[in-house]
Amino acid sequence: MTGTRRVAEARPFRPEASWSQFHPVPDASPPFAPARASFPCPALLSRAARATLGGARESLLGAVMAVRLVEGLRSPHLLPGPTREARAEGARQWLGALTLPAKARTALLRVYATSAADDRHSAADALAAVTEVTSPHLDKGARLELVRLADALRAEAPVLAGVRDRPVA
């Protein structure tokens, strides 16, 4: 047997056999990266971005601000009262720089004011008024998002109504 060499047989590559060797890759973002921001009304954002300059865009931006403020009343993002009051005051001052019809301004100011309070029913009613005032500028998806947000506020109100800052006399 001297002088004979063994040559390894060439085997065809079978991917099925090698797949079990690879482990699934976890999420590609590093652990220290911030979580992706989400907004409850993406269709409203899209509509505001596509609106023409002027009253339509300003009304829709006011509605976007209203949604941001009202989200501070909802349970996963519940903010403390002083923080909500400061945000509402800042939004009220920001709204003063916009040129809006009187009805839209009144409805938006009402939402901003109710977002500082703990009454979710009032905030839902005010958000419904904003939906009605801005409806000429809304598409079907944006209108549906605003209606669903108002309904969610009304649904959460009884659950959170038992939480009080001070005892009832």
Protein backbone atom coordinates (compact mmCIF):
# COMPACT_ATOMS: atom_id res chain seq x y z
CA MET A 1 0.00 0.00 0.00
CA THR A 2 2.83 2.23 -0.30
CA GLY A 3 2.37 5.02 -2.74
CA THR A 4 -1.41 4.97 -2.78
CA ARG A 5 -3.26 8.02 -1.60
CA ARG A 6 -6.80 8.16 -0.47
CA VAL A 7 -8.74 10.91 -2.09
CA ALA A 8 -11.79 12.17 -0.26
CA GLU A 9 -14.97 11.90 -2.21
CA ALA A 10 -16.59 15.17 -3.14
CA ARG A 11 -20.05 15.28 -1.66
CA PRO A 12 -22.69 17.68 -2.89
CA PHE A 13 -23.63 20.55 -0.55
CA ARG A 14 -26.96 19.98 1.14
CA PRO A 15 -28.25 23.18 2.70
CA GLU A 16 -30.91 21.36 4.74
CA ALA A 17 -28.24 19.61 6.75
CA SER A 18 -26.31 22.80 7.50
CA TRP A 19 -29.35 24.90 8.51
CA SER A 20 -29.52 23.26 11.90
CA GLN A 21 -26.01 24.55 12.64
CA PHE A 22 -27.04 28.22 12.43
CA HIS A 23 -28.83 29.96 15.24
CA PRO A 24 -31.43 32.62 14.54
CA VAL A 25 -30.09 36.17 14.71
CA PRO A 26 -31.76 38.30 17.37
CA ASP A 27 -33.09 41.78 16.67
CA ALA A 28 -30.52 43.74 14.72
CA SER A 29 -30.66 46.82 16.94
CA PRO A 30 -28.15 46.96 19.78
CA PRO A 31 -29.45 46.66 23.33
CA PHE A 32 -28.62 50.27 24.16
CA ALA A 33 -30.59 51.72 21.23
CA PRO A 34 -33.80 53.56 22.11
CA ALA A 35 -37.07 51.88 21.31
CA ARG A 36 -38.74 52.84 18.06
CA ALA A 37 -41.16 55.69 18.57
CA SER A 38 -44.76 55.05 17.67
CA PHE A 39 -47.68 57.39 17.18
CA PRO A 40 -51.29 56.25 17.64
CA CYS A 41 -52.53 58.03 14.50
CA PRO A 42 -50.11 57.48 11.59
CA ALA A 43 -52.78 58.26 8.97
CA LEU A 44 -53.35 61.65 10.62
CA LEU A 45 -49.61 62.36 10.45
CA SER A 46 -49.54 61.35 6.82
CA ARG A 47 -52.53 63.53 6.00
CA ALA A 48 -50.99 66.52 7.81
CA ALA A 49 -47.75 66.04 5.89
CA ARG A 50 -49.57 65.95 2.55
CA ALA A 51 -51.92 68.87 3.26
CA THR A 52 -51.44 72.11 1.38
CA LEU A 53 -49.92 75.06 3.18
CA GLY A 54 -52.35 77.21 5.06
CA GLY A 55 -55.45 76.51 7.10
CA ALA A 56 -55.74 72.81 6.27
CA ARG A 57 -52.21 71.96 7.34
CA GLU A 58 -52.37 74.13 10.45
CA SER A 59 -55.67 72.57 11.51
CA LEU A 60 -54.28 69.08 11.05
CA LEU A 61 -51.07 69.95 12.92
CA GLY A 62 -53.25 71.21 15.76
CA ALA A 63 -55.07 67.86 15.71
CA VAL A 64 -51.71 66.03 15.81
CA MET A 65 -50.77 68.08 18.86
CA ALA A 66 -54.14 67.25 20.43
CA VAL A 67 -53.50 63.54 19.95
CA ARG A 68 -50.05 63.86 21.53
CA LEU A 69 -51.50 65.63 24.55
CA VAL A 70 -54.43 63.24 24.97
CA GLU A 71 -52.06 60.27 24.85
CA GLY A 72 -50.72 61.53 28.18
CA LEU A 73 -54.07 60.51 29.70
CA ARG A 74 -53.95 56.91 28.51
CA SER A 75 -52.76 54.11 30.75
CA PRO A 76 -49.54 52.95 29.09
CA HIS A 77 -48.29 56.55 28.76
CA LEU A 78 -50.02 58.12 31.76
CA LEU A 79 -48.21 61.31 32.73
CA PRO A 80 -48.37 63.09 36.08
CA GLY A 81 -50.72 66.08 36.37
CA PRO A 82 -48.08 68.84 36.50
CA THR A 83 -46.40 67.47 33.38
CA ARG A 84 -49.70 67.38 31.49
CA GLU A 85 -50.45 70.96 32.61
CA ALA A 86 -47.07 72.20 31.38
CA ARG A 87 -47.52 70.43 28.04
CA ALA A 88 -51.02 71.87 27.63
CA GLU A 89 -49.77 75.40 28.37
CA GLY A 90 -46.95 75.04 25.86
CA ALA A 91 -49.36 73.75 23.21
CA ARG A 92 -51.75 76.62 23.90
CA GLN A 93 -48.95 79.12 23.33
CA TRP A 94 -47.86 77.29 20.18
CA LEU A 95 -51.41 77.39 18.85
CA GLY A 96 -51.44 81.16 19.27
CA ALA A 97 -48.86 81.44 16.49
CA LEU A 98 -51.10 79.61 13.98
CA THR A 99 -53.75 81.19 11.81
CA LEU A 100 -56.89 79.09 12.28
CA PRO A 101 -60.63 79.52 11.89
CA ALA A 102 -62.38 80.39 15.15
CA LYS A 103 -64.18 77.03 15.39
CA ALA A 104 -60.98 75.05 14.95
CA ARG A 105 -59.07 77.21 17.43
CA THR A 106 -61.82 76.84 20.05
CA ALA A 107 -62.04 73.06 19.63
CA LEU A 108 -58.26 72.64 19.81
CA LEU A 109 -57.93 74.87 22.87
CA ARG A 110 -60.64 72.79 24.56
CA VAL A 111 -58.70 69.56 23.91
CA TYR A 112 -55.50 71.13 25.15
CA ALA A 113 -57.24 72.25 28.36
CA THR A 114 -58.93 68.90 29.00
CA SER A 115 -55.67 67.02 28.47
CA ALA A 116 -54.33 68.69 31.62
CA ALA A 117 -57.27 67.44 33.72
CA ASP A 118 -57.99 63.86 34.76
CA ASP A 119 -61.41 63.67 33.07
CA ARG A 120 -61.07 61.29 30.14
CA HIS A 121 -64.72 61.65 29.09
CA SER A 122 -64.29 65.40 28.61
CA ALA A 123 -61.09 64.83 26.67
CA ALA A 124 -62.86 62.29 24.45
CA ASP A 125 -65.72 64.72 23.81
CA ALA A 126 -63.26 67.49 22.99
CA LEU A 127 -61.34 65.18 20.65
CA ALA A 128 -64.62 64.28 18.92
CA ALA A 129 -65.25 68.01 18.42
CA VAL A 130 -61.79 68.38 16.86
CA THR A 131 -62.59 65.45 14.57
CA GLU A 132 -65.78 67.18 13.47
CA VAL A 133 -64.10 70.56 12.93
CA THR A 134 -61.18 69.11 10.96
CA SER A 135 -63.29 66.58 9.00
CA PRO A 136 -63.12 68.54 5.71
CA HIS A 137 -59.34 68.03 5.77
CA LEU A 138 -59.28 64.42 7.02
CA ASP A 139 -59.30 61.27 4.93
CA LYS A 140 -61.13 58.13 5.99
CA GLY A 141 -58.17 56.58 7.81
CA ALA A 142 -57.31 59.70 9.81
CA ARG A 143 -60.94 60.22 10.81
CA LEU A 144 -61.19 56.59 11.92
CA GLU A 145 -58.04 56.93 14.03
CA LEU A 146 -59.38 59.99 15.84
CA VAL A 147 -62.73 58.29 16.48
CA ARG A 148 -60.99 55.16 17.81
CA LEU A 149 -58.80 57.25 20.10
CA ALA A 150 -61.84 59.05 21.51
CA ASP A 151 -63.56 55.68 22.04
CA ALA A 152 -60.47 54.31 23.78
CA LEU A 153 -60.44 57.30 26.11
CA ARG A 154 -64.09 56.71 26.99
CA ALA A 155 -63.42 53.01 27.55
CA GLU A 156 -60.49 53.69 29.89
CA ALA A 157 -62.34 56.30 31.93
CA PRO A 158 -64.29 53.90 34.21
CA VAL A 159 -61.19 51.78 34.84
CA LEU A 160 -59.10 54.73 35.92
CA ALA A 161 -61.90 56.64 37.67
CA GLY A 162 -61.19 54.88 40.97
CA VAL A 163 -57.70 56.38 41.17
CA ARG A 164 -57.86 59.68 43.02
CA ASP A 165 -55.22 62.08 44.30
CA ARG A 166 -57.23 62.97 47.37
CA PRO A 167 -59.98 61.23 49.35
CA VAL A 168 -63.58 62.06 48.51
CA ALA A 169 -65.30 63.93 51.33
